């Protein structure tokens, strides 16, 4: 699931800031974090650094919601997901209704339209500006993992889950809007248009390690430093009570998921420092952590979709004489590629598209009680 537009900038910045040098230099201090892995890129200056002060388990009070990642191969949010007769490449070629046709359509037929079509109709835009933009952005020959998971994952941490609602457009036509329709619109805006601030730590591994195994030891593909991971996870969830997004796969593909909890178990401790540990290490703690996150689902009409998943990580943190974590080492190949979070979006017109309407759509879907039934599924 493709990374955010802003993250292209952050990736570039992280790459510029990352330490560079010969492999020998990396091996000497391989477990101290480089500038791209500095927790201060993500956490405030007063974050808790002491290992013993960090809780071994914590969870957010509010669990993020699931959504489709709106695959690029299926035309993104121009996919008519609620219409079983339209699938695959047909989502790139169907014809949208004119105003005159819309005025005679049943609620069931209107409910089958794509999120992009419904958004244009709610704007009274029968030139279908957003639909055209989505068809231009997407393509049937894209990688199967590309989509809008970046927009969904961060939005699910900052916005309430929308409900299915009925909304009138400027011409007075009732438009049935499913929870997934609103989510898709939010995902697209949040991921590809919003200019809200992004916080990012580590570099992206942009290599297929299965085909290029030597790349696994590059700074980018060693992924998030284990000490940085532990500090971000525990500070964000236990201390700041905020979730964050993790790319849960290690290499080329990007699968962004919202993280909401964890449980860590101390496996062993030892005084001293292993070869290659961060300079200043006097104690090492081996940890097994189960990270709790929410995964994607298919588009669903009703709200309340939560696909909970866990991932186990084994690593060692390196601690200095004052008890602070100063580095870490992964003990197996399972690890997150990078970690990030994004401030809540403020819906505004972007690139000639009237996204300010999305604010009222979201507020209606957030405040209405329950869900309206899906007219297309009697």
Foldseek 3Di string as FASTA:
>chain_A
DDAFPVVVVVQVVLVVQFDDDDPVVCLQQVWFDGPLQPLVLPDPPPFDFFPVPFDQKFFFPDAFFFAALQWLLFLQQLHLQLDPVATGPSSLPDDDDDPVVLVPDDQLVLLSGGLQNVQCVLAVNRVSVSSVVSSVVGHNPDPRLDGLLNQRAQQSQAADQFFWDWDAHPVRRTHTAFSNSLSSLSSCCSRYPFPFDKRKGAHAAQDDCVVVVVCCSPRQQVARFPLSVVSCQRCQCPPVSGWWWFQQDRHNRGFIWIWTIKGKDWPDKDADDDRNHHPQFGMKTKMKMKTKTFHHDYHDRGTDHTHIDIDIFIWMFTAHPVNGTRGIHGPDSGDTSIMMHGHHGDQCDGPNRGRNVSVVVRVVRRPDPGHDDNSNPD
